[in-house]
Protein backbone atom coordinates (compact mmCIF):
# COMPACT_ATOMS: atom_id res chain seq x y z
CA UNK A 1 33.56 -5.79 -36.53
CA UNK A 2 36.10 -4.82 -33.88
CA UNK A 3 37.11 -1.50 -35.46
CA UNK A 4 34.35 0.82 -34.15
CA UNK A 5 34.85 -0.16 -30.48
CA UNK A 6 38.62 -0.01 -30.96
CA UNK A 7 38.40 3.48 -32.50
CA UNK A 8 36.34 4.64 -29.50
CA UNK A 9 38.90 3.04 -27.14
CA UNK A 10 41.84 4.73 -28.90
CA UNK A 11 40.01 8.09 -28.90
CA UNK A 12 39.33 7.73 -25.17
CA UNK A 13 43.00 6.94 -24.50
CA UNK A 14 44.19 9.91 -26.58
CA UNK A 15 41.82 12.33 -24.82
CA UNK A 16 42.73 10.97 -21.39
CA UNK A 17 46.50 10.74 -22.04
CA UNK A 18 47.42 13.13 -24.89
CA UNK A 19 50.53 12.02 -26.78
CA UNK A 20 51.70 15.59 -27.35
CA UNK A 21 51.89 18.47 -24.89
CA UNK A 22 52.93 22.09 -25.33
CA UNK A 23 56.68 22.46 -25.05
CA UNK A 24 57.37 25.10 -22.35
CA UNK A 25 60.91 25.57 -23.73
CA UNK A 26 59.48 26.73 -27.06
CA UNK A 27 57.55 29.65 -25.56
CA UNK A 28 60.56 31.97 -25.55
CA UNK A 29 59.31 33.84 -22.48
CA UNK A 30 62.09 35.81 -20.78
CA UNK A 31 64.77 34.49 -23.11
CA UNK A 32 65.03 37.50 -25.40
CA UNK A 33 64.78 35.48 -28.61
CA UNK A 34 62.23 32.96 -29.87
CA UNK A 35 63.08 29.28 -29.94
CA UNK A 36 63.04 27.23 -33.13
CA UNK A 37 59.58 25.90 -33.80
CA UNK A 38 57.70 28.85 -32.34
CA UNK A 39 55.13 29.02 -29.57
CA UNK A 40 52.91 26.28 -31.01
CA UNK A 41 55.59 23.62 -30.77
CA UNK A 42 54.63 20.43 -28.99
CA UNK A 43 56.70 17.60 -27.61
CA UNK A 44 55.99 13.91 -27.17
CA UNK A 45 54.85 12.97 -23.70
CA UNK A 46 56.72 9.75 -22.99
CA UNK A 47 54.76 9.20 -19.77
CA UNK A 48 51.37 9.43 -21.46
CA UNK A 49 52.52 7.34 -24.42
CA UNK A 50 53.72 4.61 -22.05
CA UNK A 51 50.45 4.70 -20.11
CA UNK A 52 48.42 4.40 -23.33
CA UNK A 53 50.60 1.56 -24.59
CA UNK A 54 50.28 -0.44 -21.37
CA UNK A 55 46.53 0.14 -21.06
CA UNK A 56 45.94 -0.78 -24.68
CA UNK A 57 48.06 -3.92 -24.52
CA UNK A 58 46.46 -5.13 -21.28
CA UNK A 59 42.85 -4.00 -20.85
CA UNK A 60 42.30 -3.16 -24.52
CA UNK A 61 43.65 -6.46 -25.79
CA UNK A 62 41.48 -8.55 -23.47
CA UNK A 63 38.34 -6.50 -24.18
CA UNK A 64 38.94 -6.56 -27.94
CA UNK A 65 39.51 -10.32 -27.94
CA UNK A 66 36.41 -10.93 -25.80
CA UNK A 67 34.30 -8.73 -28.07
CA UNK A 68 35.55 -10.50 -31.19
CA UNK A 69 34.88 -13.98 -29.75
CA UNK A 70 31.43 -12.90 -28.54
CA UNK A 71 30.53 -11.49 -31.97
CA UNK A 72 31.66 -14.68 -33.73
CA UNK A 73 29.65 -16.83 -31.34
CA UNK A 74 26.57 -14.62 -31.85
CA UNK A 75 26.95 -14.85 -35.64
CA UNK A 76 27.00 -18.63 -35.26
CA UNK A 77 23.63 -18.44 -33.51
CA UNK A 78 24.74 -19.28 -29.98
CA UNK A 79 22.62 -18.15 -27.05
CA UNK A 80 23.98 -15.95 -24.25
CA UNK A 81 25.21 -18.94 -22.23
CA UNK A 82 27.10 -20.27 -25.26
CA UNK A 83 28.60 -16.86 -25.98
CA UNK A 84 29.71 -16.43 -22.38
CA UNK A 85 31.20 -19.94 -22.40
CA UNK A 86 33.22 -19.19 -25.54
CA UNK A 87 34.50 -15.91 -24.13
CA UNK A 88 35.48 -17.52 -20.82
CA UNK A 89 37.21 -20.39 -22.61
CA UNK A 90 39.32 -18.11 -24.77
CA UNK A 91 40.04 -15.35 -22.24
CA UNK A 92 41.12 -17.69 -19.46
CA UNK A 93 43.53 -19.74 -21.53
CA UNK A 94 47.16 -19.42 -20.36
CA UNK A 95 48.21 -18.69 -23.93
CA UNK A 96 46.01 -15.59 -23.96
CA UNK A 97 48.05 -14.02 -21.17
CA UNK A 98 51.16 -14.73 -23.22
CA UNK A 99 49.60 -13.14 -26.30
CA UNK A 100 48.62 -10.03 -24.38
CA UNK A 101 52.02 -9.46 -22.79
CA UNK A 102 54.23 -10.60 -25.69
CA UNK A 103 54.97 -7.07 -26.98
CA UNK A 104 56.07 -5.87 -23.55
CA UNK A 105 58.20 -8.91 -22.91
CA UNK A 106 59.72 -8.64 -26.37
CA UNK A 107 60.71 -5.03 -25.72
CA UNK A 108 62.13 -5.80 -22.29
CA UNK A 109 64.30 -8.64 -23.53
CA UNK A 110 65.94 -6.71 -26.37
């Protein structure tokens, strides 16, 4: 139920912030000998990977949770006011903010 929107979200993030970029050191231009890995070698972009991680764990987590709660409420036959009420109840709980930022806080404290 939440996979198709999440796949679209992850695809958008990857196209906007590609994880791998061409490694200029692997081109071998002006060095007289080719580098290991050849001209097609790519390196991990730490900046883009960090951006994707933070966006996914903040905006993506809230949107995914809201979509999941809304779908469950709709399956239970609630009207739009009931669905909105359920989403607001869950997404404004203080524990939700903790759940969203737990991975970041866990990494920072280790």
